[in-house]
Amino acid sequence: MSTEPARTELLLHDDARLLAAIGAVITFSGTHCGLSGEAQEALTTAAVAACKETFPLIPASPEGERVLRLVVADYPDRIEVEITHKGEPTPTAGLDSFAGNLQAAGGPALSAALQKTSVDRVQYETKDGVSRMRLIKYCQRGATV
């Protein structure tokens, strides 16, 4: 089995109609990964919430548009949803929507809330003015999680 992930990239404008594409990609990857429908829906909800809260942080182009990049990578043992944007570096952008009231990023309140949404891990980094958040769900091929 190849270790290179299958990747689907979306460039999303700040328009709620386009957020439906996130669910389609996660459902495709989740089915391949063996995630239950409930786990796919929870991961989709987390990703959509993160995107909605990230859009206001993105500086508008001269045309007034805000665009973020979303990549769903399907690894042999996990699905990673990566949300990337230029702008204000805020590690909890989008997390409040699906993780409840955060006391501290990475603290116990975050971990408990993320388990409820079927997100196993959240990674955040900022480099050269680009913020990147990864929502990770571990899975087993051929099994329902």
C-alpha atoms as a PDB file:
ATOM      1  CA  MET A   1       0.000   0.000   0.000  1.00  0.00           C
ATOM      2  CA  SER A   2       1.344   3.421  -0.915  1.00  0.00           C
ATOM      3  CA  THR A   3       2.189   5.840   1.878  1.00  0.00           C
ATOM      4  CA  GLU A   4       1.373   8.809  -0.344  1.00  0.00           C
ATOM      5  CA  PRO A   5      -2.042  10.155   0.590  1.00  0.00           C
ATOM      6  CA  ALA A   6      -4.882  10.716  -1.811  1.00  0.00           C
ATOM      7  CA  ARG A   7      -5.421  14.482  -1.602  1.00  0.00           C
ATOM      8  CA  THR A   8      -8.364  16.657  -2.533  1.00  0.00           C
ATOM      9  CA  GLU A   9      -7.844  20.415  -2.487  1.00  0.00           C
ATOM     10  CA  LEU A  10     -10.597  23.019  -2.335  1.00  0.00           C
ATOM     11  CA  LEU A  11     -10.183  26.774  -2.628  1.00  0.00           C
ATOM     12  CA  LEU A  12     -13.212  28.104  -0.789  1.00  0.00           C
ATOM     13  CA  HIS A  13     -14.656  31.589  -1.062  1.00  0.00           C
ATOM     14  CA  ASP A  14     -16.634  32.970   1.865  1.00  0.00           C
ATOM     15  CA  ASP A  15     -19.942  31.556   0.641  1.00  0.00           C
ATOM     16  CA  ALA A  16     -21.960  29.026   2.653  1.00  0.00           C
ATOM     17  CA  ARG A  17     -23.014  27.185  -0.524  1.00  0.00           C
ATOM     18  CA  LEU A  18     -19.415  26.129  -1.136  1.00  0.00           C
ATOM     19  CA  LEU A  19     -19.011  24.631   2.343  1.00  0.00           C
ATOM     20  CA  ALA A  20     -21.171  21.669   1.276  1.00  0.00           C
ATOM     21  CA  ALA A  21     -18.205  20.482  -0.795  1.00  0.00           C
ATOM     22  CA  ILE A  22     -16.319  19.786   2.437  1.00  0.00           C
ATOM     23  CA  GLY A  23     -18.886  17.156   3.413  1.00  0.00           C
ATOM     24  CA  ALA A  24     -18.680  15.447   0.043  1.00  0.00           C
ATOM     25  CA  VAL A  25     -14.889  15.128   0.225  1.00  0.00           C
ATOM     26  CA  ILE A  26     -14.897  13.936   3.857  1.00  0.00           C
ATOM     27  CA  THR A  27     -17.634  11.398   3.069  1.00  0.00           C
ATOM     28  CA  PHE A  28     -15.591  10.050   0.148  1.00  0.00           C
ATOM     29  CA  SER A  29     -12.396   9.766   2.210  1.00  0.00           C
ATOM     30  CA  GLY A  30     -14.236   8.584   5.327  1.00  0.00           C
ATOM     31  CA  THR A  31     -15.953   5.750   3.500  1.00  0.00           C
ATOM     32  CA  HIS A  32     -12.599   4.644   2.078  1.00  0.00           C
ATOM     33  CA  CYS A  33     -11.083   4.871   5.577  1.00  0.00           C
ATOM     34  CA  GLY A  34     -13.855   2.899   7.256  1.00  0.00           C
ATOM     35  CA  LEU A  35     -15.378   5.744   9.289  1.00  0.00           C
ATOM     36  CA  SER A  36     -19.000   5.423  10.321  1.00  0.00           C
ATOM     37  CA  GLY A  37     -21.503   7.878   8.900  1.00  0.00           C
ATOM     38  CA  GLU A  38     -21.733   9.510  12.328  1.00  0.00           C
ATOM     39  CA  ALA A  39     -17.943  10.009  12.497  1.00  0.00           C
ATOM     40  CA  GLN A  40     -17.910  11.431   8.954  1.00  0.00           C
ATOM     41  CA  GLU A  41     -20.686  13.871   9.853  1.00  0.00           C
ATOM     42  CA  ALA A  42     -18.912  14.969  13.043  1.00  0.00           C
ATOM     43  CA  LEU A  43     -15.623  15.563  11.196  1.00  0.00           C
ATOM     44  CA  THR A  44     -17.509  17.521   8.531  1.00  0.00           C
ATOM     45  CA  THR A  45     -19.218  19.636  11.204  1.00  0.00           C
ATOM     46  CA  ALA A  46     -15.851  20.403  12.815  1.00  0.00           C
ATOM     47  CA  ALA A  47     -14.242  21.347   9.490  1.00  0.00           C
ATOM     48  CA  VAL A  48     -17.155  23.564   8.407  1.00  0.00           C
ATOM     49  CA  ALA A  49     -17.193  25.330  11.793  1.00  0.00           C
ATOM     50  CA  ALA A  50     -13.445  25.963  11.592  1.00  0.00           C
ATOM     51  CA  CYS A  51     -13.827  27.403   8.079  1.00  0.00           C
ATOM     52  CA  LYS A  52     -16.722  29.674   9.068  1.00  0.00           C
ATOM     53  CA  GLU A  53     -14.763  31.147  11.950  1.00  0.00           C
ATOM     54  CA  THR A  54     -11.592  31.486   9.893  1.00  0.00           C
ATOM     55  CA  PHE A  55     -13.089  33.555   7.062  1.00  0.00           C
ATOM     56  CA  PRO A  56     -13.290  36.795   9.109  1.00  0.00           C
ATOM     57  CA  LEU A  57      -9.566  36.474   9.894  1.00  0.00           C
ATOM     58  CA  ILE A  58      -8.544  36.416   6.242  1.00  0.00           C
ATOM     59  CA  PRO A  59      -7.654  39.815   4.768  1.00  0.00           C
ATOM     60  CA  ALA A  60      -9.967  40.643   1.875  1.00  0.00           C
ATOM     61  CA  SER A  61      -8.480  40.947  -1.597  1.00  0.00           C
ATOM     62  CA  PRO A  62      -8.853  44.264  -3.453  1.00  0.00           C
ATOM     63  CA  GLU A  63     -12.052  42.765  -4.914  1.00  0.00           C
ATOM     64  CA  GLY A  64     -13.350  42.110  -1.386  1.00  0.00           C
ATOM     65  CA  GLU A  65     -12.985  38.315  -1.585  1.00  0.00           C
ATOM     66  CA  ARG A  66     -11.792  36.028   1.189  1.00  0.00           C
ATOM     67  CA  VAL A  67     -10.449  32.615   0.161  1.00  0.00           C
ATOM     68  CA  LEU A  68      -9.042  29.759   2.188  1.00  0.00           C
ATOM     69  CA  ARG A  69      -7.430  26.519   1.129  1.00  0.00           C
ATOM     70  CA  LEU A  70      -8.765  23.223   2.462  1.00  0.00           C
ATOM     71  CA  VAL A  71      -7.024  19.918   1.773  1.00  0.00           C
ATOM     72  CA  VAL A  72      -8.398  16.517   2.761  1.00  0.00           C
ATOM     73  CA  ALA A  73      -5.605  13.948   2.773  1.00  0.00           C
ATOM     74  CA  ASP A  74      -6.454  10.246   2.999  1.00  0.00           C
ATOM     75  CA  TYR A  75      -3.512   8.411   4.607  1.00  0.00           C
ATOM     76  CA  PRO A  76      -3.502   4.655   5.281  1.00  0.00           C
ATOM     77  CA  ASP A  77      -4.214   5.226   9.003  1.00  0.00           C
ATOM     78  CA  ARG A  78      -5.969   8.609   9.156  1.00  0.00           C
ATOM     79  CA  ILE A  79      -7.772  11.459   7.460  1.00  0.00           C
ATOM     80  CA  GLU A  80      -6.317  14.947   7.800  1.00  0.00           C
ATOM     81  CA  VAL A  81      -8.357  18.046   7.064  1.00  0.00           C
ATOM     82  CA  GLU A  82      -5.945  20.955   6.637  1.00  0.00           C
ATOM     83  CA  ILE A  83      -7.237  24.535   6.608  1.00  0.00           C
ATOM     84  CA  THR A  84      -4.728  27.146   5.450  1.00  0.00           C
ATOM     85  CA  HIS A  85      -4.985  30.920   5.211  1.00  0.00           C
ATOM     86  CA  LYS A  86      -2.919  34.073   5.311  1.00  0.00           C
ATOM     87  CA  GLY A  87      -3.840  36.560   7.969  1.00  0.00           C
ATOM     88  CA  GLU A  88      -4.223  36.874  11.724  1.00  0.00           C
ATOM     89  CA  PRO A  89      -2.539  33.906  13.445  1.00  0.00           C
ATOM     90  CA  THR A  90      -5.181  32.556  15.851  1.00  0.00           C
ATOM     91  CA  PRO A  91      -4.758  28.933  16.959  1.00  0.00           C
ATOM     92  CA  THR A  92      -8.342  28.603  18.164  1.00  0.00           C
ATOM     93  CA  ALA A  93      -9.956  29.966  14.990  1.00  0.00           C
ATOM     94  CA  GLY A  94     -12.916  27.731  14.401  1.00  0.00           C
ATOM     95  CA  LEU A  95     -12.379  25.594  17.472  1.00  0.00           C
ATOM     96  CA  ASP A  96     -14.959  27.370  19.650  1.00  0.00           C
ATOM     97  CA  SER A  97     -17.745  26.277  17.314  1.00  0.00           C
ATOM     98  CA  PHE A  98     -17.183  22.577  17.838  1.00  0.00           C
ATOM     99  CA  ALA A  99     -15.069  22.388  20.982  1.00  0.00           C
ATOM    100  CA  GLY A 100     -17.102  24.572  23.311  1.00  0.00           C
ATOM    101  CA  ASN A 101     -15.668  27.298  25.510  1.00  0.00           C
ATOM    102  CA  LEU A 102     -11.907  26.812  25.431  1.00  0.00           C
ATOM    103  CA  GLN A 103      -9.983  27.527  28.609  1.00  0.00           C
ATOM    104  CA  ALA A 104      -6.596  27.059  26.942  1.00  0.00           C
ATOM    105  CA  ALA A 105      -5.632  25.674  23.543  1.00  0.00           C
ATOM    106  CA  GLY A 106      -4.586  22.065  23.998  1.00  0.00           C
ATOM    107  CA  GLY A 107      -5.888  21.866  27.578  1.00  0.00           C
ATOM    108  CA  PRO A 108      -8.191  19.206  29.033  1.00  0.00           C
ATOM    109  CA  ALA A 109     -11.382  21.049  28.014  1.00  0.00           C
ATOM    110  CA  LEU A 110     -10.257  20.950  24.383  1.00  0.00           C
ATOM    111  CA  SER A 111      -9.400  17.252  24.439  1.00  0.00           C
ATOM    112  CA  ALA A 112     -12.729  16.201  25.968  1.00  0.00           C
ATOM    113  CA  ALA A 113     -14.727  18.317  23.540  1.00  0.00           C
ATOM    114  CA  LEU A 114     -12.791  17.101  20.520  1.00  0.00           C
ATOM    115  CA  GLN A 115     -13.475  13.479  21.442  1.00  0.00           C
ATOM    116  CA  LYS A 116     -17.191  14.249  21.262  1.00  0.00           C
ATOM    117  CA  THR A 117     -16.795  15.465  17.672  1.00  0.00           C
ATOM    118  CA  SER A 118     -14.770  12.449  16.484  1.00  0.00           C
ATOM    119  CA  VAL A 119     -11.704  14.628  15.928  1.00  0.00           C
ATOM    120  CA  ASP A 120      -8.765  12.787  17.438  1.00  0.00           C
ATOM    121  CA  ARG A 121      -6.155  15.510  17.167  1.00  0.00           C
ATOM    122  CA  VAL A 122      -5.777  19.177  16.248  1.00  0.00           C
ATOM    123  CA  GLN A 123      -2.460  20.608  15.088  1.00  0.00           C
ATOM    124  CA  TYR A 124      -1.782  24.272  14.528  1.00  0.00           C
ATOM    125  CA  GLU A 125       1.186  26.121  13.083  1.00  0.00           C
ATOM    126  CA  THR A 126       2.054  29.508  11.662  1.00  0.00           C
ATOM    127  CA  LYS A 127       4.972  30.006   9.310  1.00  0.00           C
ATOM    128  CA  ASP A 128       5.837  32.973   7.091  1.00  0.00           C
ATOM    129  CA  GLY A 129       2.420  34.591   7.655  1.00  0.00           C
ATOM    130  CA  VAL A 130       0.465  31.438   6.769  1.00  0.00           C
ATOM    131  CA  SER A 131      -1.708  29.773   9.421  1.00  0.00           C
ATOM    132  CA  ARG A 132      -2.388  26.054   9.114  1.00  0.00           C
ATOM    133  CA  MET A 133      -4.796  23.983  11.208  1.00  0.00           C
ATOM    134  CA  ARG A 134      -5.099  20.206  10.834  1.00  0.00           C
ATOM    135  CA  LEU A 135      -8.055  18.208  12.095  1.00  0.00           C
ATOM    136  CA  ILE A 136      -7.025  14.551  12.286  1.00  0.00           C
ATOM    137  CA  LYS A 137      -9.215  11.466  12.546  1.00  0.00           C
ATOM    138  CA  TYR A 138      -7.543   8.052  12.879  1.00  0.00           C
ATOM    139  CA  CYS A 139      -9.208   5.109  11.193  1.00  0.00           C
ATOM    140  CA  GLN A 140      -8.871   1.455  10.257  1.00  0.00           C
ATOM    141  CA  ARG A 141      -9.273   0.209   6.714  1.00  0.00           C
ATOM    142  CA  GLY A 142     -12.181  -2.172   6.355  1.00  0.00           C
ATOM    143  CA  ALA A 143     -13.582  -1.410   9.825  1.00  0.00           C
ATOM    144  CA  THR A 144     -16.332   0.898  11.008  1.00  0.00           C
ATOM    145  CA  VAL A 145     -15.139   3.344  13.659  1.00  0.00           C
END
